[in-house]
């Protein structure tokens, strides 16, 4: 069949590269395979056909194993991501919850003490102004926990966007796939190192902000406890 004038060389090359049979047996590779089989089995046509059939069966098995390997990789990635996401969410929530309870609980304990002392002695609340002023680290700790939760949420969103989506993983299973699956927010044709440089800092920055704020809330609790103890002893 003759080529039409509309068939450009680049389009013909692309069509050829997308054809699995052409990828594996074009360029004389199939003829060379048949010649090798004929040399091994002789001039017997039936034996040649049987050997060629066995060769194609083995080749199909190799292609099937290749596909199953990629499918298992995709399953492993998705399972690992699911386990990691659940673990990070659980640990993060527990840490933030206890940090918030420590700071909010300290405020409640101090205010309850002041209320009981005022009710028992009849003194003015202003007498306990130093204790009330020293509650600011606990308030700041509660705010830090809230901001840490927000930063953790953004980190989760950025991390999710930096991972391949279901569509990219599905395309990766194709035998014609020649590269790793692209991330959700990766531009078409964008190299991986360019994507990491353009987008990776958001993942790292949001994670570091969440970590700093989480540690800061614990530090503020210790600072508040020291200030309250000093004011109480004074």
C-alpha atoms as a PDB file:
ATOM      1  CA  UNK A   1       0.000   0.000   0.000  1.00  0.00           C
ATOM      2  CA  UNK A   2       1.444   3.338  -1.073  1.00  0.00           C
ATOM      3  CA  UNK A   3       1.869   6.217   1.326  1.00  0.00           C
ATOM      4  CA  UNK A   4      -0.367   9.266   1.008  1.00  0.00           C
ATOM      5  CA  UNK A   5       0.932  12.789   0.719  1.00  0.00           C
ATOM      6  CA  UNK A   6      -0.578  13.630   4.094  1.00  0.00           C
ATOM      7  CA  UNK A   7       1.538  11.037   5.909  1.00  0.00           C
ATOM      8  CA  UNK A   8       4.473  13.017   7.275  1.00  0.00           C
ATOM      9  CA  UNK A   9       7.680  11.140   8.240  1.00  0.00           C
ATOM     10  CA  UNK A  10       7.316  12.144  11.911  1.00  0.00           C
ATOM     11  CA  UNK A  11       3.742  10.820  11.985  1.00  0.00           C
ATOM     12  CA  UNK A  12       4.808   7.547  10.358  1.00  0.00           C
ATOM     13  CA  UNK A  13       7.576   7.130  12.931  1.00  0.00           C
ATOM     14  CA  UNK A  14       5.132   7.843  15.768  1.00  0.00           C
ATOM     15  CA  UNK A  15       2.625   5.319  14.434  1.00  0.00           C
ATOM     16  CA  UNK A  16       5.374   2.737  14.081  1.00  0.00           C
ATOM     17  CA  UNK A  17       6.685   3.378  17.593  1.00  0.00           C
ATOM     18  CA  UNK A  18       3.194   2.894  19.032  1.00  0.00           C
ATOM     19  CA  UNK A  19       2.768  -0.491  17.337  1.00  0.00           C
ATOM     20  CA  UNK A  20       3.897  -3.275  19.664  1.00  0.00           C
ATOM     21  CA  UNK A  21       4.657  -5.715  16.861  1.00  0.00           C
ATOM     22  CA  UNK A  22       6.785  -3.139  15.013  1.00  0.00           C
ATOM     23  CA  UNK A  23       8.603  -2.313  18.242  1.00  0.00           C
ATOM     24  CA  UNK A  24       9.588  -5.923  18.836  1.00  0.00           C
ATOM     25  CA  UNK A  25      10.001  -7.423  15.356  1.00  0.00           C
ATOM     26  CA  UNK A  26      10.499  -4.599  12.835  1.00  0.00           C
ATOM     27  CA  UNK A  27      13.832  -3.915  11.181  1.00  0.00           C
ATOM     28  CA  UNK A  28      14.440  -7.517  10.113  1.00  0.00           C
ATOM     29  CA  UNK A  29      14.358  -8.965  13.640  1.00  0.00           C
ATOM     30  CA  UNK A  30      11.501 -11.331  12.810  1.00  0.00           C
ATOM     31  CA  UNK A  31      13.240 -12.620   9.666  1.00  0.00           C
ATOM     32  CA  UNK A  32      16.444 -13.110  11.656  1.00  0.00           C
ATOM     33  CA  UNK A  33      14.496 -15.065  14.271  1.00  0.00           C
ATOM     34  CA  UNK A  34      12.980 -17.345  11.608  1.00  0.00           C
ATOM     35  CA  UNK A  35      16.400 -17.906  10.016  1.00  0.00           C
ATOM     36  CA  UNK A  36      17.864 -18.936  13.374  1.00  0.00           C
ATOM     37  CA  UNK A  37      15.008 -21.382  13.943  1.00  0.00           C
ATOM     38  CA  UNK A  38      15.473 -22.873  10.469  1.00  0.00           C
ATOM     39  CA  UNK A  39      19.154 -23.376  11.093  1.00  0.00           C
ATOM     40  CA  UNK A  40      18.378 -25.204  14.324  1.00  0.00           C
ATOM     41  CA  UNK A  41      15.505 -27.433  13.124  1.00  0.00           C
ATOM     42  CA  UNK A  42      16.494 -27.880   9.467  1.00  0.00           C
ATOM     43  CA  UNK A  43      14.231 -27.618   6.428  1.00  0.00           C
ATOM     44  CA  UNK A  44      11.196 -29.267   8.042  1.00  0.00           C
ATOM     45  CA  UNK A  45       8.368 -26.712   7.583  1.00  0.00           C
ATOM     46  CA  UNK A  46       6.095 -28.232  10.251  1.00  0.00           C
ATOM     47  CA  UNK A  47       8.866 -28.296  12.807  1.00  0.00           C
ATOM     48  CA  UNK A  48       9.724 -24.702  11.919  1.00  0.00           C
ATOM     49  CA  UNK A  49       6.097 -23.649  12.427  1.00  0.00           C
ATOM     50  CA  UNK A  50       5.952 -25.438  15.782  1.00  0.00           C
ATOM     51  CA  UNK A  51       9.202 -23.858  16.936  1.00  0.00           C
ATOM     52  CA  UNK A  52       8.015 -20.424  15.795  1.00  0.00           C
ATOM     53  CA  UNK A  53       4.713 -20.938  17.650  1.00  0.00           C
ATOM     54  CA  UNK A  54       6.631 -21.881  20.785  1.00  0.00           C
ATOM     55  CA  UNK A  55       8.801 -18.791  20.340  1.00  0.00           C
ATOM     56  CA  UNK A  56       5.771 -16.498  20.144  1.00  0.00           C
ATOM     57  CA  UNK A  57       4.181 -18.236  23.137  1.00  0.00           C
ATOM     58  CA  UNK A  58       7.355 -17.614  25.148  1.00  0.00           C
ATOM     59  CA  UNK A  59       7.446 -14.008  23.951  1.00  0.00           C
ATOM     60  CA  UNK A  60       3.832 -13.505  25.026  1.00  0.00           C
ATOM     61  CA  UNK A  61       4.691 -14.956  28.413  1.00  0.00           C
ATOM     62  CA  UNK A  62       7.555 -12.480  28.761  1.00  0.00           C
ATOM     63  CA  UNK A  63       5.234  -9.609  27.841  1.00  0.00           C
ATOM     64  CA  UNK A  64       2.673 -10.879  30.359  1.00  0.00           C
ATOM     65  CA  UNK A  65       5.332 -11.076  33.086  1.00  0.00           C
ATOM     66  CA  UNK A  66       6.456  -7.554  32.206  1.00  0.00           C
ATOM     67  CA  UNK A  67       2.897  -6.274  32.503  1.00  0.00           C
ATOM     68  CA  UNK A  68       2.312  -8.120  35.773  1.00  0.00           C
ATOM     69  CA  UNK A  69       5.510  -6.651  37.175  1.00  0.00           C
ATOM     70  CA  UNK A  70       4.314  -3.127  36.423  1.00  0.00           C
ATOM     71  CA  UNK A  71       0.878  -3.915  37.793  1.00  0.00           C
ATOM     72  CA  UNK A  72       2.397  -5.242  41.017  1.00  0.00           C
ATOM     73  CA  UNK A  73       4.512  -2.094  41.278  1.00  0.00           C
ATOM     74  CA  UNK A  74       1.389   0.063  40.939  1.00  0.00           C
ATOM     75  CA  UNK A  75      -0.383  -2.002  43.588  1.00  0.00           C
ATOM     76  CA  UNK A  76       2.589  -1.707  45.915  1.00  0.00           C
ATOM     77  CA  UNK A  77       2.720   2.074  45.436  1.00  0.00           C
ATOM     78  CA  UNK A  78      -0.975   2.488  46.138  1.00  0.00           C
ATOM     79  CA  UNK A  79      -0.899   0.177  49.170  1.00  0.00           C
ATOM     80  CA  UNK A  80       2.176   1.888  50.557  1.00  0.00           C
ATOM     81  CA  UNK A  81       0.650   5.301  50.047  1.00  0.00           C
ATOM     82  CA  UNK A  82      -2.564   4.255  51.758  1.00  0.00           C
ATOM     83  CA  UNK A  83      -0.679   2.857  54.765  1.00  0.00           C
ATOM     84  CA  UNK A  84       1.630   5.866  54.998  1.00  0.00           C
ATOM     85  CA  UNK A  85      -1.220   8.352  54.692  1.00  0.00           C
ATOM     86  CA  UNK A  86      -3.217   6.637  57.411  1.00  0.00           C
ATOM     87  CA  UNK A  87      -0.189   6.476  59.707  1.00  0.00           C
ATOM     88  CA  UNK A  88       0.783  10.108  59.187  1.00  0.00           C
ATOM     89  CA  UNK A  89      -2.761  11.323  59.724  1.00  0.00           C
ATOM     90  CA  UNK A  90      -3.134   9.265  62.914  1.00  0.00           C
ATOM     91  CA  UNK A  91       0.217  10.295  64.408  1.00  0.00           C
ATOM     92  CA  UNK A  92      -0.287  13.907  63.424  1.00  0.00           C
ATOM     93  CA  UNK A  93      -3.758  14.101  64.906  1.00  0.00           C
ATOM     94  CA  UNK A  94      -2.659  12.461  68.139  1.00  0.00           C
ATOM     95  CA  UNK A  95       0.328  14.784  68.521  1.00  0.00           C
ATOM     96  CA  UNK A  96      -1.662  17.929  67.812  1.00  0.00           C
ATOM     97  CA  UNK A  97      -4.520  16.791  70.035  1.00  0.00           C
ATOM     98  CA  UNK A  98      -2.282  16.190  73.049  1.00  0.00           C
ATOM     99  CA  UNK A  99      -0.365  19.400  72.514  1.00  0.00           C
ATOM    100  CA  UNK A 100      -3.600  21.375  72.345  1.00  0.00           C
ATOM    101  CA  UNK A 101      -4.960  19.627  75.437  1.00  0.00           C
ATOM    102  CA  UNK A 102      -1.788  20.400  77.366  1.00  0.00           C
ATOM    103  CA  UNK A 103      -1.981  24.134  76.650  1.00  0.00           C
ATOM    104  CA  UNK A 104      -5.764  24.457  76.924  1.00  0.00           C
ATOM    105  CA  UNK A 105      -5.780  22.287  80.025  1.00  0.00           C
ATOM    106  CA  UNK A 106      -3.158  24.487  81.662  1.00  0.00           C
ATOM    107  CA  UNK A 107      -5.327  27.550  81.022  1.00  0.00           C
ATOM    108  CA  UNK A 108      -8.346  25.804  82.495  1.00  0.00           C
ATOM    109  CA  UNK A 109      -6.420  24.657  85.586  1.00  0.00           C
ATOM    110  CA  UNK A 110      -4.976  28.109  86.286  1.00  0.00           C
ATOM    111  CA  UNK A 111      -8.313  29.864  85.766  1.00  0.00           C
ATOM    112  CA  UNK A 112     -10.056  27.299  87.971  1.00  0.00           C
ATOM    113  CA  UNK A 113      -7.442  27.914  90.685  1.00  0.00           C
ATOM    114  CA  UNK A 114      -7.906  31.671  90.461  1.00  0.00           C
ATOM    115  CA  UNK A 115     -11.681  31.328  90.589  1.00  0.00           C
ATOM    116  CA  UNK A 116     -11.523  29.077  93.642  1.00  0.00           C
ATOM    117  CA  UNK A 117      -9.046  31.363  95.382  1.00  0.00           C
ATOM    118  CA  UNK A 118     -11.165  34.464  94.719  1.00  0.00           C
ATOM    119  CA  UNK A 119     -14.314  32.717  95.945  1.00  0.00           C
ATOM    120  CA  UNK A 120     -12.625  31.450  99.083  1.00  0.00           C
ATOM    121  CA  UNK A 121     -10.706  34.561 100.129  1.00  0.00           C
ATOM    122  CA  UNK A 122     -12.951  37.216  98.688  1.00  0.00           C
ATOM    123  CA  UNK A 123      -9.943  38.980  97.201  1.00  0.00           C
ATOM    124  CA  UNK A 124     -10.198  40.937  93.953  1.00  0.00           C
ATOM    125  CA  UNK A 125      -9.319  39.244  90.680  1.00  0.00           C
ATOM    126  CA  UNK A 126      -6.728  41.935  90.043  1.00  0.00           C
ATOM    127  CA  UNK A 127      -4.631  40.373  92.792  1.00  0.00           C
ATOM    128  CA  UNK A 128      -4.057  37.440  90.522  1.00  0.00           C
ATOM    129  CA  UNK A 129      -3.213  39.569  87.483  1.00  0.00           C
ATOM    130  CA  UNK A 130       0.385  38.226  87.281  1.00  0.00           C
ATOM    131  CA  UNK A 131      -0.912  34.690  86.941  1.00  0.00           C
ATOM    132  CA  UNK A 132      -3.403  35.741  84.279  1.00  0.00           C
ATOM    133  CA  UNK A 133      -0.717  37.624  82.345  1.00  0.00           C
ATOM    134  CA  UNK A 134       1.523  34.573  82.387  1.00  0.00           C
ATOM    135  CA  UNK A 135      -1.116  32.523  80.583  1.00  0.00           C
ATOM    136  CA  UNK A 136      -0.056  33.979  77.220  1.00  0.00           C
ATOM    137  CA  UNK A 137       2.335  31.090  76.362  1.00  0.00           C
ATOM    138  CA  UNK A 138      -0.525  28.624  76.672  1.00  0.00           C
ATOM    139  CA  UNK A 139      -2.721  30.758  74.414  1.00  0.00           C
ATOM    140  CA  UNK A 140       0.104  31.029  71.898  1.00  0.00           C
ATOM    141  CA  UNK A 141       0.584  27.248  72.155  1.00  0.00           C
ATOM    142  CA  UNK A 142      -3.067  26.643  71.243  1.00  0.00           C
ATOM    143  CA  UNK A 143      -2.725  28.997  68.261  1.00  0.00           C
ATOM    144  CA  UNK A 144       0.478  27.210  67.209  1.00  0.00           C
ATOM    145  CA  UNK A 145      -1.320  23.874  67.252  1.00  0.00           C
ATOM    146  CA  UNK A 146      -4.056  25.271  65.016  1.00  0.00           C
ATOM    147  CA  UNK A 147      -1.524  26.684  62.564  1.00  0.00           C
ATOM    148  CA  UNK A 148       0.419  23.412  62.640  1.00  0.00           C
ATOM    149  CA  UNK A 149      -2.750  21.560  61.687  1.00  0.00           C
ATOM    150  CA  UNK A 150      -3.304  23.935  58.769  1.00  0.00           C
ATOM    151  CA  UNK A 151       0.302  23.531  57.599  1.00  0.00           C
ATOM    152  CA  UNK A 152      -0.037  19.759  57.880  1.00  0.00           C
ATOM    153  CA  UNK A 153      -3.160  19.869  55.727  1.00  0.00           C
ATOM    154  CA  UNK A 154      -1.353  21.872  53.048  1.00  0.00           C
ATOM    155  CA  UNK A 155       1.560  19.443  53.212  1.00  0.00           C
ATOM    156  CA  UNK A 156      -0.820  16.543  52.651  1.00  0.00           C
ATOM    157  CA  UNK A 157      -2.364  18.322  49.657  1.00  0.00           C
ATOM    158  CA  UNK A 158       1.041  19.132  48.149  1.00  0.00           C
ATOM    159  CA  UNK A 159       2.293  15.593  48.722  1.00  0.00           C
ATOM    160  CA  UNK A 160      -0.813  14.174  47.067  1.00  0.00           C
ATOM    161  CA  UNK A 161      -0.337  16.456  44.071  1.00  0.00           C
ATOM    162  CA  UNK A 162       3.290  15.324  43.745  1.00  0.00           C
ATOM    163  CA  UNK A 163       2.260  11.666  43.380  1.00  0.00           C
ATOM    164  CA  UNK A 164       0.997   9.969  40.206  1.00  0.00           C
ATOM    165  CA  UNK A 165      -2.763   9.902  39.762  1.00  0.00           C
ATOM    166  CA  UNK A 166      -4.864   6.882  38.767  1.00  0.00           C
ATOM    167  CA  UNK A 167      -4.819   7.948  35.111  1.00  0.00           C
ATOM    168  CA  UNK A 168      -1.016   8.178  35.020  1.00  0.00           C
ATOM    169  CA  UNK A 169      -0.677   4.789  36.725  1.00  0.00           C
ATOM    170  CA  UNK A 170      -3.116   3.275  34.245  1.00  0.00           C
ATOM    171  CA  UNK A 171      -1.093   4.642  31.320  1.00  0.00           C
ATOM    172  CA  UNK A 172       2.074   3.350  32.965  1.00  0.00           C
ATOM    173  CA  UNK A 173       0.702  -0.194  32.688  1.00  0.00           C
ATOM    174  CA  UNK A 174       0.793   0.056  28.905  1.00  0.00           C
ATOM    175  CA  UNK A 175       3.584  -1.907  27.237  1.00  0.00           C
ATOM    176  CA  UNK A 176       4.385   1.179  25.144  1.00  0.00           C
ATOM    177  CA  UNK A 177       5.122   3.314  28.251  1.00  0.00           C
ATOM    178  CA  UNK A 178       8.749   4.437  28.210  1.00  0.00           C
ATOM    179  CA  UNK A 179       8.925   6.550  31.380  1.00  0.00           C
ATOM    180  CA  UNK A 180       7.742   6.733  34.946  1.00  0.00           C
ATOM    181  CA  UNK A 181       4.196   8.031  35.553  1.00  0.00           C
ATOM    182  CA  UNK A 182       3.864  11.787  35.860  1.00  0.00           C
ATOM    183  CA  UNK A 183       2.663  13.521  39.009  1.00  0.00           C
ATOM    184  CA  UNK A 184      -0.758  15.119  39.214  1.00  0.00           C
ATOM    185  CA  UNK A 185       0.532  18.695  38.850  1.00  0.00           C
ATOM    186  CA  UNK A 186       3.494  17.840  36.633  1.00  0.00           C
ATOM    187  CA  UNK A 187       3.287  19.596  33.284  1.00  0.00           C
ATOM    188  CA  UNK A 188       3.155  17.371  30.179  1.00  0.00           C
ATOM    189  CA  UNK A 189       6.694  16.632  29.061  1.00  0.00           C
ATOM    190  CA  UNK A 190       8.237  18.333  32.095  1.00  0.00           C
ATOM    191  CA  UNK A 191      11.379  16.525  33.332  1.00  0.00           C
ATOM    192  CA  UNK A 192      11.208  15.131  36.832  1.00  0.00           C
ATOM    193  CA  UNK A 193      14.067  17.272  38.160  1.00  0.00           C
ATOM    194  CA  UNK A 194      12.361  20.420  36.845  1.00  0.00           C
ATOM    195  CA  UNK A 195       9.107  19.440  38.523  1.00  0.00           C
ATOM    196  CA  UNK A 196      10.893  18.746  41.831  1.00  0.00           C
ATOM    197  CA  UNK A 197      12.624  22.129  41.664  1.00  0.00           C
ATOM    198  CA  UNK A 198       9.392  23.926  40.792  1.00  0.00           C
ATOM    199  CA  UNK A 199       7.020  22.148  43.165  1.00  0.00           C
ATOM    200  CA  UNK A 200       9.071  20.235  45.725  1.00  0.00           C
ATOM    201  CA  UNK A 201       9.815  23.271  47.877  1.00  0.00           C
ATOM    202  CA  UNK A 202       6.106  23.590  48.710  1.00  0.00           C
ATOM    203  CA  UNK A 203       6.069  20.077  50.152  1.00  0.00           C
ATOM    204  CA  UNK A 204       9.234  20.675  52.168  1.00  0.00           C
ATOM    205  CA  UNK A 205       8.215  24.151  53.360  1.00  0.00           C
ATOM    206  CA  UNK A 206       4.751  23.125  54.573  1.00  0.00           C
ATOM    207  CA  UNK A 207       6.223  20.097  56.356  1.00  0.00           C
ATOM    208  CA  UNK A 208       8.884  22.186  58.093  1.00  0.00           C
ATOM    209  CA  UNK A 209       6.321  24.812  59.122  1.00  0.00           C
ATOM    210  CA  UNK A 210       4.097  22.128  60.653  1.00  0.00           C
ATOM    211  CA  UNK A 211       7.050  20.582  62.502  1.00  0.00           C
ATOM    212  CA  UNK A 212       8.298  23.924  63.830  1.00  0.00           C
ATOM    213  CA  UNK A 213       4.845  24.968  64.996  1.00  0.00           C
ATOM    214  CA  UNK A 214       4.247  21.578  66.641  1.00  0.00           C
ATOM    215  CA  UNK A 215       7.545  21.726  68.508  1.00  0.00           C
ATOM    216  CA  UNK A 216       6.884  25.394  69.286  1.00  0.00           C
ATOM    217  CA  UNK A 217       3.583  24.545  70.974  1.00  0.00           C
ATOM    218  CA  UNK A 218       5.377  22.109  73.296  1.00  0.00           C
ATOM    219  CA  UNK A 219       8.048  24.730  74.041  1.00  0.00           C
ATOM    220  CA  UNK A 220       5.357  27.324  74.791  1.00  0.00           C
ATOM    221  CA  UNK A 221       3.718  24.914  77.230  1.00  0.00           C
ATOM    222  CA  UNK A 222       7.015  24.498  79.110  1.00  0.00           C
ATOM    223  CA  UNK A 223       7.556  28.251  79.072  1.00  0.00           C
ATOM    224  CA  UNK A 224       4.066  28.888  80.392  1.00  0.00           C
ATOM    225  CA  UNK A 225       4.510  26.300  83.142  1.00  0.00           C
ATOM    226  CA  UNK A 226       7.783  27.975  84.223  1.00  0.00           C
ATOM    227  CA  UNK A 227       6.178  31.441  84.271  1.00  0.00           C
ATOM    228  CA  UNK A 228       3.172  30.231  86.289  1.00  0.00           C
ATOM    229  CA  UNK A 229       5.434  28.504  88.808  1.00  0.00           C
ATOM    230  CA  UNK A 230       7.536  31.639  89.195  1.00  0.00           C
ATOM    231  CA  UNK A 231       4.453  33.835  89.608  1.00  0.00           C
ATOM    232  CA  UNK A 232       2.935  31.415  92.113  1.00  0.00           C
ATOM    233  CA  UNK A 233       6.086  31.299  94.208  1.00  0.00           C
ATOM    234  CA  UNK A 234       6.377  35.057  94.141  1.00  0.00           C
END
